[in-house]
Amino acid sequence: MNIQLSLRASKLRNVAGAFKGISDPFAVVSVLSDDSNGRPVILGKTEVVKNCLSPDWVKTFTMEYELGRPTRIAVSVYDEIKKSNNKSMGSAIFEVGAILGAKGNTKAKRFNNGGTIYVRVEKSVGIGNLRLKMSGVKLKNVEGMFGKSDPFFTLSKKDEGYLGTEWNVVYRSHVVHNNLNPHWKEDMIELKILCGDNLDQPILVSVYDYEKSGKHKTMGQFQTSVNGLIGAKNSEGFTVKTRKGSVGRIIVHVAETSGMRNLNKTVVAADPMHRAPNASLESVTPVPMPTEPTFLDYIHGGCEIQLCVAIDFTGSNGDPRKMGTLHYRAPDGSKNDYEKAISAIGGVLANYDTDQKFPGL
């Protein structure tokens, strides 16, 4: 089974040093070996987020996961320092099964030197890409009287996270400097990180004014979906809004999916969340193939699990003082057959137990 990992951190300690500004963090993810003498396998590293102590990294990591097999990952965060050695900002080890069994499929750990790292793990679904090119029209300047904003945009998907429903950034565009009518470069975005296999899943488009300090200013936002973007081609686009009202428009020039199997034409609902005004009603969406639900599908759907252990203490199991019997209590503390079974099975299922209390009968 393929799973994907995403990372964010909050309130990291600034290790850039006095008079050198704010750290530029990136994270490295490694899979630890089952063998104590084995070497970890590096999955990869995230992008560098400049001048930021609470980064939400866009880069995701895909890996094979076998349910029931203990799998540990190490996450190490560094401050990028050019022409020198990168400085460590903290590291932590996570058990993948424990993350999958946690609320929102998210686990958090505090670094010893300050800050918290959050790891989210979810089943990797969906194939293909979205080819996207957009531009802004008459965006409101938030730079002040003596300059123009430097717009870029992010795409976020809605997840059930650590603290409930949240928006997680999955794509970040390049920056167009000093321009309130920016034309962003065309890019290819993986559907599995943007919306999985649901082209109607809500997407939040947020526009920001880039600041070297890392404290980017919000210019406005709107909600749509992949089908909404596709349906908005060659239309008047989307209205960018703030709490104070309209602050410009976003025009979709290219929005096409590719690499998807079992495509069939469908009609996009006439809902402003899914399409722009005067947009074409024709779009594409994959035909869902019936599949047997997996264990993780039940967990993600809200199924609650409780681990309960029952032990047979009848005389048929033999004298616990005699070697070879099922309840033998070895002087060296080694486990008997019952203890081995409880450890092997309970060690896996305990990660998914709702209240982390295990009745014994």
Protein backbone atom coordinates (compact mmCIF):
# COMPACT_ATOMS: atom_id res chain seq x y z
CA MET A 1 0.00 0.00 0.00
CA ASN A 2 1.27 3.46 -0.90
CA ILE A 3 1.07 6.24 1.69
CA GLN A 4 2.12 9.88 1.53
CA LEU A 5 3.68 12.02 4.23
CA SER A 6 3.43 15.79 4.65
CA LEU A 7 5.20 18.00 7.18
CA ARG A 8 4.87 21.29 8.95
CA ALA A 9 6.48 22.84 12.01
CA SER A 10 5.71 25.63 14.44
CA LYS A 11 7.74 27.95 16.65
CA LEU A 12 11.14 26.54 15.71
CA ARG A 13 14.15 27.99 17.47
CA ASN A 14 16.03 30.54 15.40
CA VAL A 15 19.59 29.20 14.95
CA ALA A 16 20.74 31.70 12.32
CA GLY A 17 22.79 33.58 14.91
CA ALA A 18 22.90 37.18 16.01
CA PHE A 19 22.54 39.79 13.23
CA LYS A 20 22.01 37.08 10.58
CA GLY A 21 18.24 37.23 10.33
CA ILE A 22 15.82 34.31 10.61
CA SER A 23 16.53 30.65 9.84
CA ASP A 24 15.65 29.10 6.46
CA PRO A 25 14.35 25.64 7.45
CA PHE A 26 14.06 22.48 5.38
CA ALA A 27 13.35 18.90 6.51
CA VAL A 28 14.91 15.54 5.62
CA VAL A 29 12.83 12.35 5.96
CA SER A 30 14.46 8.92 6.39
CA VAL A 31 13.06 5.42 6.89
CA LEU A 32 14.87 3.61 9.70
CA SER A 33 16.00 0.03 9.24
CA ASP A 34 14.51 -2.88 11.22
CA ASP A 35 18.06 -4.10 11.73
CA SER A 36 19.91 -2.29 14.50
CA ASN A 37 23.02 -2.31 12.29
CA GLY A 38 21.17 -1.27 9.13
CA ARG A 39 21.46 2.17 7.60
CA PRO A 40 18.45 4.47 7.19
CA VAL A 41 17.04 5.07 3.71
CA ILE A 42 16.57 8.74 2.85
CA LEU A 43 13.18 9.44 1.25
CA GLY A 44 14.16 12.98 0.35
CA LYS A 45 14.04 16.55 1.57
CA THR A 46 11.55 19.38 1.45
CA GLU A 47 11.97 22.74 -0.17
CA VAL A 48 13.64 25.54 1.83
CA VAL A 49 11.25 28.09 3.34
CA LYS A 50 13.07 31.39 3.70
CA ASN A 51 12.96 33.42 6.90
CA CYS A 52 10.31 31.33 8.63
CA LEU A 53 10.12 29.59 12.00
CA SER A 54 6.68 28.00 11.36
CA PRO A 55 7.09 26.44 7.89
CA ASP A 56 4.34 24.53 6.10
CA TRP A 57 6.30 22.56 3.52
CA VAL A 58 4.65 21.77 0.18
CA LYS A 59 6.82 18.74 -0.65
CA THR A 60 5.21 15.36 0.11
CA PHE A 61 6.83 11.93 0.32
CA THR A 62 5.40 8.67 -1.00
CA MET A 63 6.46 5.29 0.37
CA GLU A 64 5.36 1.67 0.54
CA TYR A 65 3.78 0.63 3.84
CA GLU A 66 2.82 -2.85 4.99
CA LEU A 67 0.06 -2.75 7.57
CA GLY A 68 1.16 -4.52 10.74
CA ARG A 69 4.88 -4.16 10.10
CA PRO A 70 6.52 -1.65 12.47
CA THR A 71 7.91 1.18 10.35
CA ARG A 72 9.78 4.12 11.83
CA ILE A 73 10.70 7.37 10.12
CA ALA A 74 13.13 10.06 11.25
CA VAL A 75 12.44 13.73 10.52
CA SER A 76 15.38 16.12 10.81
CA VAL A 77 15.04 19.88 10.34
CA TYR A 78 17.96 22.09 9.29
CA ASP A 79 18.65 25.74 8.71
CA GLU A 80 20.10 26.13 5.21
CA ILE A 81 23.42 27.93 5.30
CA LYS A 82 25.06 28.52 1.94
CA LYS A 83 28.83 27.92 1.63
CA SER A 84 28.85 26.27 5.05
CA ASN A 85 27.40 23.35 7.01
CA ASN A 86 23.65 23.46 7.61
CA LYS A 87 22.64 23.87 11.25
CA SER A 88 20.37 21.36 12.97
CA MET A 89 17.09 22.75 14.29
CA GLY A 90 15.81 19.48 15.75
CA SER A 91 14.89 15.88 14.94
CA ALA A 92 12.27 13.32 15.96
CA ILE A 93 11.34 9.68 15.29
CA PHE A 94 7.79 8.57 14.48
CA GLU A 95 6.15 5.15 14.11
CA VAL A 96 3.99 5.22 10.96
CA GLY A 97 1.23 3.02 12.43
CA ALA A 98 0.92 5.36 15.41
CA ILE A 99 0.46 8.33 13.05
CA LEU A 100 -2.21 6.52 11.03
CA GLY A 101 -4.07 5.65 14.23
CA ALA A 102 -3.91 9.18 15.64
CA LYS A 103 -6.63 11.80 15.30
CA GLY A 104 -6.47 13.36 11.86
CA ASN A 105 -3.69 10.91 10.93
CA THR A 106 -1.32 13.46 12.44
CA LYS A 107 1.29 13.22 15.19
CA ALA A 108 3.25 16.03 16.80
CA LYS A 109 6.54 15.96 18.70
CA ARG A 110 8.45 18.72 20.41
CA PHE A 111 12.13 19.26 19.69
CA ASN A 112 14.46 19.43 22.67
CA ASN A 113 15.77 22.81 21.58
CA GLY A 114 12.36 24.32 20.88
CA GLY A 115 9.60 24.00 18.32
CA THR A 116 7.15 21.30 17.27
CA ILE A 117 7.14 19.11 14.18
CA TYR A 118 3.86 17.73 12.77
CA VAL A 119 3.74 14.68 10.48
CA ARG A 120 0.58 13.74 8.58
CA VAL A 121 0.25 10.33 6.89
CA GLU A 122 -2.56 9.33 4.56
CA LYS A 123 -3.31 6.70 1.97
CA SER A 124 -1.98 7.76 -1.41
CA VAL A 125 -4.80 7.70 -3.97
CA GLY A 126 -5.32 9.24 -7.38
CA ILE A 127 -3.19 9.35 -10.48
CA GLY A 128 -2.44 11.93 -13.12
CA ASN A 129 -1.66 15.64 -13.14
CA LEU A 130 -3.33 19.01 -13.43
CA ARG A 131 -1.73 21.40 -15.92
CA LEU A 132 -2.50 24.91 -14.63
CA LYS A 133 -1.79 28.45 -15.77
CA MET A 134 -3.46 31.47 -14.19
CA SER A 135 -3.12 35.24 -14.07
CA GLY A 136 -4.35 38.04 -11.82
CA VAL A 137 -6.32 41.11 -12.88
CA LYS A 138 -6.34 44.40 -10.95
CA LEU A 139 -5.26 42.86 -7.66
CA LYS A 140 -5.33 45.28 -4.75
CA ASN A 141 -1.93 46.66 -3.79
CA VAL A 142 -0.98 45.90 -0.17
CA GLU A 143 2.63 47.10 -0.43
CA GLY A 144 1.97 50.71 0.53
CA MET A 145 2.27 54.06 -1.26
CA PHE A 146 5.81 53.61 -2.57
CA GLY A 147 5.72 50.14 -4.10
CA LYS A 148 3.71 47.41 -5.76
CA SER A 149 2.90 43.98 -4.39
CA ASP A 150 4.82 40.87 -5.47
CA PRO A 151 2.00 38.31 -5.88
CA PHE A 152 2.19 34.55 -5.61
CA PHE A 153 -0.55 32.03 -4.89
CA THR A 154 -0.95 28.78 -2.97
CA LEU A 155 -3.34 25.86 -3.36
CA SER A 156 -4.56 24.18 -0.17
CA LYS A 157 -6.74 21.11 0.33
CA LYS A 158 -9.14 20.54 3.21
CA ASP A 159 -8.12 17.78 5.65
CA GLU A 160 -9.19 16.45 9.01
CA GLY A 161 -6.03 17.33 10.90
CA TYR A 162 -4.54 17.34 14.37
CA LEU A 163 -6.96 19.96 15.69
CA GLY A 164 -9.93 19.23 13.41
CA THR A 165 -10.69 20.56 9.93
CA GLU A 166 -7.75 22.47 8.45
CA TRP A 167 -6.34 23.72 5.15
CA ASN A 168 -2.97 22.24 4.18
CA VAL A 169 -0.82 23.93 1.54
CA VAL A 170 0.06 21.51 -1.27
CA TYR A 171 1.31 23.91 -3.96
CA ARG A 172 3.06 27.28 -4.05
CA SER A 173 3.55 29.28 -7.26
CA HIS A 174 6.54 31.41 -8.21
CA VAL A 175 6.58 35.14 -7.35
CA VAL A 176 5.84 37.88 -9.90
CA HIS A 177 7.53 41.07 -8.68
CA ASN A 178 6.01 44.56 -8.76
CA ASN A 179 2.90 43.60 -10.71
CA LEU A 180 -0.80 43.82 -9.87
CA ASN A 181 -1.70 41.96 -13.10
CA PRO A 182 0.65 38.98 -12.71
CA HIS A 183 0.95 36.13 -15.23
CA TRP A 184 2.15 33.09 -13.30
CA LYS A 185 4.08 30.35 -15.07
CA GLU A 186 2.30 27.23 -16.26
CA ASP A 187 2.94 24.27 -13.96
CA MET A 188 2.08 20.60 -13.53
CA ILE A 189 0.57 19.53 -10.17
CA GLU A 190 0.08 15.92 -9.05
CA LEU A 191 -3.59 15.14 -8.41
CA LYS A 192 -2.77 12.70 -5.60
CA ILE A 193 -1.47 15.56 -3.45
CA LEU A 194 -4.06 18.09 -4.62
CA CYS A 195 -7.33 16.18 -4.39
CA GLY A 196 -6.69 12.41 -4.48
CA ASP A 197 -9.24 10.81 -6.78
CA ASN A 198 -12.00 13.38 -6.11
CA LEU A 199 -11.96 16.25 -8.62
CA ASP A 200 -14.74 17.98 -6.67
CA GLN A 201 -12.80 18.15 -3.41
CA PRO A 202 -12.65 21.76 -2.14
CA ILE A 203 -9.46 23.69 -2.89
CA LEU A 204 -8.54 27.04 -1.32
CA VAL A 205 -6.68 29.47 -3.61
CA SER A 206 -4.84 32.13 -1.57
CA VAL A 207 -2.94 35.09 -3.03
CA TYR A 208 -0.06 36.67 -1.09
CA ASP A 209 2.34 39.57 -1.39
CA TYR A 210 5.86 38.17 -1.04
CA GLU A 211 8.06 39.67 1.68
CA LYS A 212 11.76 38.91 2.18
CA SER A 213 11.14 38.76 5.92
CA GLY A 214 8.95 35.68 5.39
CA LYS A 215 5.90 37.54 6.76
CA HIS A 216 3.90 37.45 3.52
CA LYS A 217 0.82 39.66 3.35
CA THR A 218 -2.55 38.18 2.45
CA MET A 219 -4.06 39.74 -0.70
CA GLY A 220 -7.24 37.61 -0.87
CA GLN A 221 -8.59 34.14 -1.55
CA PHE A 222 -11.43 32.03 -2.97
CA GLN A 223 -12.58 28.40 -2.94
CA THR A 224 -13.04 26.11 -5.91
CA SER A 225 -12.09 22.57 -7.01
CA VAL A 226 -10.17 20.91 -9.83
CA ASN A 227 -13.41 20.61 -11.78
CA GLY A 228 -14.08 24.25 -10.94
CA LEU A 229 -10.73 25.31 -12.38
CA ILE A 230 -11.32 23.23 -15.51
CA GLY A 231 -14.77 24.74 -15.95
CA ALA A 232 -13.41 28.28 -15.50
CA LYS A 233 -11.24 28.27 -18.63
CA ASN A 234 -11.95 31.11 -21.02
CA SER A 235 -14.39 32.72 -18.60
CA GLU A 236 -14.30 35.88 -16.50
CA GLY A 237 -12.59 33.84 -13.78
CA PHE A 238 -12.88 34.00 -10.01
CA THR A 239 -13.37 36.95 -7.67
CA VAL A 240 -10.58 37.29 -5.10
CA LYS A 241 -12.04 38.39 -1.80
CA THR A 242 -11.11 39.52 1.68
CA ARG A 243 -13.42 40.30 4.59
CA LYS A 244 -13.75 43.81 3.17
CA GLY A 245 -14.94 42.65 -0.25
CA SER A 246 -13.59 42.10 -3.76
CA VAL A 247 -9.87 42.77 -4.36
CA GLY A 248 -9.40 41.64 -7.96
CA ARG A 249 -9.89 38.60 -10.18
CA ILE A 250 -8.04 35.43 -11.13
CA ILE A 251 -8.27 34.24 -14.74
CA VAL A 252 -7.70 30.57 -15.67
CA HIS A 253 -5.92 30.20 -19.02
CA VAL A 254 -5.02 26.50 -18.83
CA ALA A 255 -6.57 23.81 -16.59
CA GLU A 256 -6.32 20.28 -17.97
CA THR A 257 -5.93 16.85 -16.39
CA SER A 258 -3.71 14.17 -17.90
CA GLY A 259 -2.59 10.65 -17.07
CA MET A 260 -5.98 9.65 -15.61
CA ARG A 261 -7.60 6.34 -16.52
CA ASN A 262 -11.30 5.64 -17.00
CA LEU A 263 -12.25 9.18 -17.89
CA ASN A 264 -15.84 10.00 -18.70
CA LYS A 265 -17.53 13.29 -19.44
CA THR A 266 -19.79 14.70 -16.78
CA VAL A 267 -21.49 17.95 -15.87
CA VAL A 268 -20.15 20.25 -13.19
CA ALA A 269 -22.79 21.49 -10.75
CA ALA A 270 -23.83 25.10 -11.18
CA ASP A 271 -22.32 26.03 -7.84
CA PRO A 272 -20.04 29.10 -7.47
CA MET A 273 -17.72 27.01 -5.30
CA HIS A 274 -17.06 24.65 -8.21
CA ARG A 275 -17.06 26.90 -11.24
CA ALA A 276 -16.71 30.51 -12.23
CA PRO A 277 -19.55 32.62 -13.66
CA ASN A 278 -20.25 31.98 -17.35
CA ALA A 279 -17.90 28.99 -17.30
CA SER A 280 -18.37 25.95 -19.53
CA LEU A 281 -20.47 23.22 -17.93
CA GLU A 282 -18.52 20.39 -19.52
CA SER A 283 -15.64 18.85 -17.62
CA VAL A 284 -14.06 15.49 -16.97
CA THR A 285 -14.01 13.29 -13.92
CA PRO A 286 -12.86 9.70 -13.36
CA VAL A 287 -15.45 6.93 -13.21
CA PRO A 288 -15.10 5.45 -9.70
CA MET A 289 -14.16 1.78 -9.79
CA PRO A 290 -15.72 -0.38 -7.06
CA THR A 291 -13.05 -1.57 -4.64
CA GLU A 292 -13.05 -3.48 -1.39
CA PRO A 293 -12.50 -1.05 1.51
CA THR A 294 -9.20 -1.48 3.34
CA PHE A 295 -8.50 -1.33 7.07
CA LEU A 296 -7.30 2.27 6.68
CA ASP A 297 -10.51 3.21 4.84
CA TYR A 298 -12.49 2.17 7.93
CA ILE A 299 -10.16 4.15 10.20
CA HIS A 300 -10.38 7.27 8.02
CA GLY A 301 -14.16 6.87 7.92
CA GLY A 302 -14.42 7.18 11.71
CA CYS A 303 -14.51 3.53 12.77
CA GLU A 304 -13.43 3.26 16.41
CA ILE A 305 -11.38 0.26 17.56
CA GLN A 306 -10.79 -1.13 21.03
CA LEU A 307 -8.13 -3.73 21.78
CA CYS A 308 -9.25 -6.28 24.36
CA VAL A 309 -7.12 -9.26 25.49
CA ALA A 310 -8.49 -12.53 26.89
CA ILE A 311 -6.09 -15.10 28.41
CA ASP A 312 -6.82 -18.77 29.06
CA PHE A 313 -5.52 -19.70 32.54
CA THR A 314 -7.01 -23.19 32.69
CA GLY A 315 -4.91 -26.16 33.77
CA SER A 316 -4.83 -27.53 30.20
CA ASN A 317 -2.06 -25.04 29.45
CA GLY A 318 0.26 -26.81 31.88
CA ASP A 319 2.21 -25.91 35.00
CA PRO A 320 3.67 -22.37 34.57
CA ARG A 321 6.72 -23.55 36.59
CA LYS A 322 7.65 -26.10 33.91
CA MET A 323 9.65 -25.11 30.83
CA GLY A 324 7.74 -25.54 27.57
CA THR A 325 4.28 -24.83 28.95
CA LEU A 326 2.32 -21.89 27.53
CA HIS A 327 2.46 -19.87 30.77
CA TYR A 328 6.06 -20.72 31.71
CA ARG A 329 7.67 -17.96 33.74
CA ALA A 330 11.31 -18.04 32.66
CA PRO A 331 13.94 -16.93 35.21
CA ASP A 332 15.65 -14.78 32.55
CA GLY A 333 12.44 -12.87 31.85
CA SER A 334 12.04 -14.14 28.28
CA LYS A 335 8.47 -14.14 26.95
CA ASN A 336 6.26 -17.24 26.89
CA ASP A 337 3.93 -18.06 23.99
CA TYR A 338 1.03 -15.99 25.33
CA GLU A 339 3.23 -12.94 25.90
CA LYS A 340 4.73 -13.24 22.41
CA ALA A 341 1.28 -13.38 20.81
CA ILE A 342 0.00 -10.40 22.82
CA SER A 343 3.09 -8.35 21.96
CA ALA A 344 3.00 -9.20 18.25
CA ILE A 345 -0.69 -8.49 17.70
CA GLY A 346 -1.26 -5.90 20.40
CA GLY A 347 1.79 -3.92 19.31
CA VAL A 348 0.09 -3.32 15.96
CA LEU A 349 -3.56 -2.85 17.01
CA ALA A 350 -2.74 -0.64 20.01
CA ASN A 351 -1.88 2.20 17.61
CA TYR A 352 -5.49 2.29 16.45
CA ASP A 353 -7.17 1.91 19.86
CA THR A 354 -9.53 4.83 20.43
CA ASP A 355 -9.00 5.44 24.15
CA GLN A 356 -5.60 3.72 24.61
CA LYS A 357 -7.01 1.54 27.41
CA PHE A 358 -6.72 -2.23 27.00
CA PRO A 359 -9.07 -4.43 29.07
CA GLY A 360 -7.64 -7.81 30.09
CA LEU A 361 -9.92 -10.78 30.77
